[in-house]
């Protein structure tokens, strides 16, 4: 059976992660694996060198107390993790997902996701985590790490879920967005929703955009192509608001002006500033 892997951390985005996962599960006739990862910082004290400030007896007593504190911290992290998973599973079932599994694991987030994503059609993660600065719209640090390591499409959920009736493909002709088009053709996830392909360019026409529109229309979409001048992040953001786009599809790494790195790129700015979910492909 098709599987969706949804990452929940108990942040404000966990509910929308579950809502987006439930939507995708209905579209894909999929089961959902809920994953909560307990990192080292959740269970261990920060390392410190006490060799010069304490005598032997004091140092041994302190280390004993720190070990007991870490043990208690670990128990609380596991208890909290089970609660996060239980609440997420209940939310998924309330939204019609019949098969939900809960996984509480310890370790590095990226390594754990890489191990667990095998067989998954889609990963779902919140745009920001517990420690993110909401006032400044900082992205969660784990998001970039997951995007760099993931081999599956990643649905980055916004703070609130909205049904997808119209989606935008941020098209630049690069290999990442090419993978996105291949996925759209093969997957029922977005079939039936209106589609716009937006290319930011100084040109008045582009054969690559025309071919992409034709490919999607042949696959059953109602797709239109748009060429527009300007800075990619500003143009895309304005278009999303003006046309009431519900979801953005784009490559995690771009082409031409949109180069190499996620942080500092057009991709990062779109994920940061647009209050929409983003379906990303590497």
Protein backbone atom coordinates (compact mmCIF):
# COMPACT_ATOMS: atom_id res chain seq x y z
CA UNK A 1 0.00 0.00 0.00
CA UNK A 2 1.17 3.54 -0.74
CA UNK A 3 2.76 5.18 2.31
CA UNK A 4 3.08 8.77 3.46
CA UNK A 5 5.68 9.65 6.09
CA UNK A 6 4.59 12.60 8.26
CA UNK A 7 7.01 14.23 10.70
CA UNK A 8 5.47 15.71 13.85
CA UNK A 9 7.29 17.52 16.65
CA UNK A 10 4.51 19.01 18.75
CA UNK A 11 4.96 22.51 17.28
CA UNK A 12 2.12 24.69 15.98
CA UNK A 13 2.70 23.12 12.57
CA UNK A 14 2.02 19.55 13.68
CA UNK A 15 -1.73 19.90 13.18
CA UNK A 16 -1.34 21.17 9.62
CA UNK A 17 1.19 18.40 8.93
CA UNK A 18 -1.50 15.89 9.91
CA UNK A 19 -4.16 17.73 7.88
CA UNK A 20 -1.96 17.79 4.78
CA UNK A 21 -1.02 14.15 5.29
CA UNK A 22 -4.71 13.22 5.58
CA UNK A 23 -5.50 15.11 2.38
CA UNK A 24 -2.65 13.39 0.54
CA UNK A 25 -3.64 10.00 1.94
CA UNK A 26 -7.16 10.40 0.56
CA UNK A 27 -5.81 11.45 -2.84
CA UNK A 28 -3.29 8.61 -3.00
CA UNK A 29 -5.30 5.91 -1.17
CA UNK A 30 -2.37 5.75 1.23
CA UNK A 31 -1.58 4.87 4.81
CA UNK A 32 0.25 7.34 7.03
CA UNK A 33 3.34 6.67 9.13
CA UNK A 34 3.64 9.31 11.87
CA UNK A 35 7.23 9.85 12.95
CA UNK A 36 8.52 11.71 16.00
CA UNK A 37 12.29 11.81 16.41
CA UNK A 38 13.93 12.47 19.77
CA UNK A 39 17.25 14.17 19.16
CA UNK A 40 20.30 14.08 21.39
CA UNK A 41 19.66 17.57 22.75
CA UNK A 42 16.29 16.34 24.04
CA UNK A 43 17.89 13.71 26.26
CA UNK A 44 21.43 14.87 27.14
CA UNK A 45 23.01 17.82 28.92
CA UNK A 46 25.42 20.05 27.07
CA UNK A 47 29.01 18.79 27.42
CA UNK A 48 31.26 20.76 29.76
CA UNK A 49 34.74 20.47 31.24
CA UNK A 50 34.69 20.58 35.04
CA UNK A 51 38.23 19.28 35.56
CA UNK A 52 39.73 22.59 36.66
CA UNK A 53 36.94 23.93 38.87
CA UNK A 54 35.90 20.97 41.06
CA UNK A 55 37.72 18.47 43.22
CA UNK A 56 37.32 14.74 42.57
CA UNK A 57 34.44 14.16 44.98
CA UNK A 58 32.48 17.19 43.78
CA UNK A 59 33.03 16.21 40.15
CA UNK A 60 31.79 12.66 40.71
CA UNK A 61 28.69 13.90 42.53
CA UNK A 62 27.93 16.41 39.79
CA UNK A 63 28.35 13.81 37.06
CA UNK A 64 26.00 11.48 38.94
CA UNK A 65 23.37 14.21 39.23
CA UNK A 66 23.75 15.10 35.55
CA UNK A 67 23.29 11.45 34.58
CA UNK A 68 20.11 11.28 36.67
CA UNK A 69 18.91 14.53 35.12
CA UNK A 70 19.56 13.20 31.60
CA UNK A 71 17.69 10.00 32.42
CA UNK A 72 14.69 11.99 33.62
CA UNK A 73 14.93 14.29 30.62
CA UNK A 74 14.92 11.27 28.33
CA UNK A 75 11.86 9.79 30.04
CA UNK A 76 9.99 13.08 29.66
CA UNK A 77 11.00 13.37 26.00
CA UNK A 78 9.69 9.87 25.30
CA UNK A 79 6.47 10.56 27.21
CA UNK A 80 5.96 13.78 25.29
CA UNK A 81 6.76 12.05 22.00
CA UNK A 82 4.13 9.39 22.63
CA UNK A 83 1.59 12.12 23.36
CA UNK A 84 2.48 14.01 20.16
CA UNK A 85 2.05 10.81 18.15
CA UNK A 86 -1.21 9.87 19.86
CA UNK A 87 -2.74 13.29 19.20
CA UNK A 88 -1.54 13.23 15.59
CA UNK A 89 -2.94 9.75 14.98
CA UNK A 90 -6.31 10.77 16.43
CA UNK A 91 -6.41 13.81 14.16
CA UNK A 92 -5.61 11.68 11.11
CA UNK A 93 -8.31 9.15 11.94
CA UNK A 94 -10.82 11.95 12.51
CA UNK A 95 -10.04 13.03 8.95
CA UNK A 96 -10.68 9.63 7.45
CA UNK A 97 -7.27 7.96 7.38
CA UNK A 98 -7.90 4.31 8.15
CA UNK A 99 -4.35 3.02 8.55
CA UNK A 100 -2.05 5.05 10.81
CA UNK A 101 1.17 3.87 12.44
CA UNK A 102 3.12 5.69 15.14
CA UNK A 103 6.90 5.62 15.33
CA UNK A 104 8.89 7.09 18.21
CA UNK A 105 12.60 6.94 17.44
CA UNK A 106 15.79 8.45 18.81
CA UNK A 107 18.72 9.73 16.79
CA UNK A 108 19.67 12.29 14.20
CA UNK A 109 16.60 13.56 12.37
CA UNK A 110 18.04 13.39 8.86
CA UNK A 111 19.54 9.93 9.32
CA UNK A 112 16.27 8.67 10.80
CA UNK A 113 14.17 10.13 7.99
CA UNK A 114 16.50 8.62 5.42
CA UNK A 115 16.08 5.21 7.04
CA UNK A 116 12.30 5.50 7.36
CA UNK A 117 11.43 7.06 4.00
CA UNK A 118 12.04 3.86 2.06
CA UNK A 119 8.81 2.96 0.30
CA UNK A 120 7.17 6.31 1.05
CA UNK A 121 5.45 8.17 -1.77
CA UNK A 122 5.66 11.49 0.06
CA UNK A 123 7.20 13.16 3.10
CA UNK A 124 5.25 15.82 5.00
CA UNK A 125 7.00 18.26 7.34
CA UNK A 126 6.12 21.58 8.95
CA UNK A 127 7.62 24.78 7.62
CA UNK A 128 8.86 25.67 11.08
CA UNK A 129 9.52 23.67 14.20
CA UNK A 130 9.29 24.27 17.91
CA UNK A 131 12.32 26.55 18.13
CA UNK A 132 11.58 28.70 15.07
CA UNK A 133 11.14 32.45 15.38
CA UNK A 134 7.58 33.02 14.19
CA UNK A 135 7.83 36.81 14.44
CA UNK A 136 10.72 36.87 11.96
CA UNK A 137 9.36 34.00 9.85
CA UNK A 138 12.59 32.06 10.24
CA UNK A 139 12.51 28.61 8.68
CA UNK A 140 13.08 25.62 10.88
CA UNK A 141 16.70 24.48 10.71
CA UNK A 142 15.56 20.87 10.38
CA UNK A 143 13.62 21.69 7.22
CA UNK A 144 16.70 22.42 5.15
CA UNK A 145 18.46 19.35 6.53
CA UNK A 146 15.53 17.10 5.62
CA UNK A 147 15.24 18.64 2.15
CA UNK A 148 18.93 18.09 1.49
CA UNK A 149 18.77 14.47 2.59
CA UNK A 150 15.35 13.36 1.34
CA UNK A 151 15.02 11.24 -1.79
CA UNK A 152 11.22 11.56 -1.96
CA UNK A 153 9.02 14.57 -2.72
CA UNK A 154 8.56 16.72 0.38
CA UNK A 155 5.32 18.55 1.17
CA UNK A 156 6.19 21.51 3.39
CA UNK A 157 3.02 22.38 5.24
CA UNK A 158 1.97 25.93 6.00
CA UNK A 159 0.57 26.91 9.37
CA UNK A 160 -3.04 26.27 8.31
CA UNK A 161 -4.40 23.67 5.89
CA UNK A 162 -6.45 24.68 2.86
CA UNK A 163 -7.99 22.35 0.25
CA UNK A 164 -6.05 22.42 -3.02
CA UNK A 165 -8.22 23.70 -5.85
CA UNK A 166 -5.53 25.62 -7.73
CA UNK A 167 -1.78 25.09 -7.69
CA UNK A 168 1.20 26.88 -9.18
CA UNK A 169 4.31 25.31 -10.67
CA UNK A 170 7.29 27.65 -10.31
CA UNK A 171 8.89 26.70 -13.62
CA UNK A 172 12.51 27.49 -14.47
CA UNK A 173 13.35 24.68 -16.90
CA UNK A 174 15.77 23.06 -14.45
CA UNK A 175 16.12 19.37 -13.55
CA UNK A 176 14.35 19.66 -10.18
CA UNK A 177 11.16 21.07 -11.67
CA UNK A 178 11.47 18.48 -14.43
CA UNK A 179 11.16 15.80 -11.75
CA UNK A 180 8.14 17.66 -10.41
CA UNK A 181 6.44 17.51 -13.82
CA UNK A 182 7.17 13.79 -14.14
CA UNK A 183 5.59 13.24 -10.74
CA UNK A 184 2.52 15.32 -11.59
CA UNK A 185 1.96 13.25 -14.71
CA UNK A 186 2.25 9.94 -12.87
CA UNK A 187 0.55 10.76 -9.56
CA UNK A 188 -3.14 11.37 -8.77
CA UNK A 189 -2.20 13.76 -5.94
CA UNK A 190 -3.14 16.97 -7.77
CA UNK A 191 -5.29 15.64 -10.59
CA UNK A 192 -8.46 17.69 -10.96
CA UNK A 193 -6.96 20.90 -9.59
CA UNK A 194 -6.37 23.87 -11.89
CA UNK A 195 -2.70 24.36 -12.71
CA UNK A 196 -0.64 27.42 -13.62
CA UNK A 197 2.99 27.21 -14.72
CA UNK A 198 4.76 30.48 -14.00
CA UNK A 199 8.13 31.22 -15.58
CA UNK A 200 9.99 34.37 -14.59
CA UNK A 201 11.96 35.47 -17.62
CA UNK A 202 12.76 38.45 -19.81
CA UNK A 203 11.69 36.43 -22.85
CA UNK A 204 8.31 36.78 -24.53
CA UNK A 205 8.12 33.04 -25.23
CA UNK A 206 9.91 29.87 -24.16
CA UNK A 207 9.61 26.47 -25.82
CA UNK A 208 10.35 24.67 -22.54
CA UNK A 209 7.34 26.27 -20.90
CA UNK A 210 5.15 25.43 -23.88
CA UNK A 211 6.24 21.78 -23.74
CA UNK A 212 5.60 21.60 -20.01
CA UNK A 213 2.07 22.96 -20.41
CA UNK A 214 1.38 20.51 -23.23
CA UNK A 215 2.72 17.62 -21.13
CA UNK A 216 0.39 18.40 -18.23
CA UNK A 217 -2.64 18.97 -20.44
CA UNK A 218 -2.01 15.66 -22.18
CA UNK A 219 -1.95 14.04 -18.72
CA UNK A 220 -5.41 15.42 -17.98
CA UNK A 221 -4.66 18.71 -16.24
CA UNK A 222 -6.19 22.06 -17.09
CA UNK A 223 -2.85 23.86 -17.27
CA UNK A 224 -1.89 27.32 -18.48
CA UNK A 225 1.56 28.86 -18.92
CA UNK A 226 2.55 32.36 -17.84
CA UNK A 227 5.74 34.29 -18.63
CA UNK A 228 6.50 37.31 -16.48
CA UNK A 229 9.47 39.60 -15.94
CA UNK A 230 10.92 40.48 -12.56
CA UNK A 231 12.63 38.96 -9.55
CA UNK A 232 11.48 35.34 -9.15
CA UNK A 233 10.62 35.43 -5.46
CA UNK A 234 8.64 38.68 -5.69
CA UNK A 235 6.82 37.67 -8.87
CA UNK A 236 5.88 34.24 -7.53
CA UNK A 237 4.70 35.60 -4.18
CA UNK A 238 2.53 38.25 -5.83
CA UNK A 239 1.06 35.72 -8.25
CA UNK A 240 0.20 33.32 -5.42
CA UNK A 241 -1.83 35.99 -3.64
CA UNK A 242 -3.46 37.47 -6.73
CA UNK A 243 -4.64 34.15 -8.17
CA UNK A 244 -5.50 32.60 -4.78
CA UNK A 245 -3.09 29.71 -5.28
CA UNK A 246 -3.51 26.93 -2.71
CA UNK A 247 -0.20 25.11 -3.18
CA UNK A 248 3.16 25.79 -4.83
CA UNK A 249 5.17 23.14 -6.67
CA UNK A 250 8.86 23.84 -7.18
CA UNK A 251 12.35 22.40 -7.20
CA UNK A 252 14.39 22.49 -4.01
CA UNK A 253 17.31 23.59 -6.13
CA UNK A 254 16.87 25.86 -9.10
CA UNK A 255 18.40 26.68 -12.42
CA UNK A 256 19.95 29.82 -13.96
CA UNK A 257 19.44 32.66 -11.46
CA UNK A 258 18.07 30.25 -8.87
CA UNK A 259 21.27 28.42 -8.00
CA UNK A 260 22.72 25.66 -5.86
CA UNK A 261 21.73 26.38 -2.29
CA UNK A 262 18.40 26.23 -0.52
CA UNK A 263 19.14 28.82 2.15
CA UNK A 264 19.41 32.27 0.58
CA UNK A 265 17.81 31.16 -2.67
CA UNK A 266 14.53 31.97 -4.34
CA UNK A 267 13.27 28.61 -3.09
CA UNK A 268 14.02 29.56 0.50
CA UNK A 269 12.36 32.94 0.16
CA UNK A 270 9.18 31.44 -1.30
CA UNK A 271 8.93 28.84 1.44
CA UNK A 272 9.62 31.50 4.07
CA UNK A 273 7.27 34.24 2.93
CA UNK A 274 4.35 32.55 1.13
CA UNK A 275 1.64 31.35 3.50
CA UNK A 276 1.00 28.26 1.39
CA UNK A 277 2.20 24.66 1.44
CA UNK A 278 5.05 23.92 -0.95
CA UNK A 279 5.59 20.58 -2.69
CA UNK A 280 9.31 20.29 -3.31
CA UNK A 281 11.47 18.07 -5.50
CA UNK A 282 15.24 17.64 -5.50
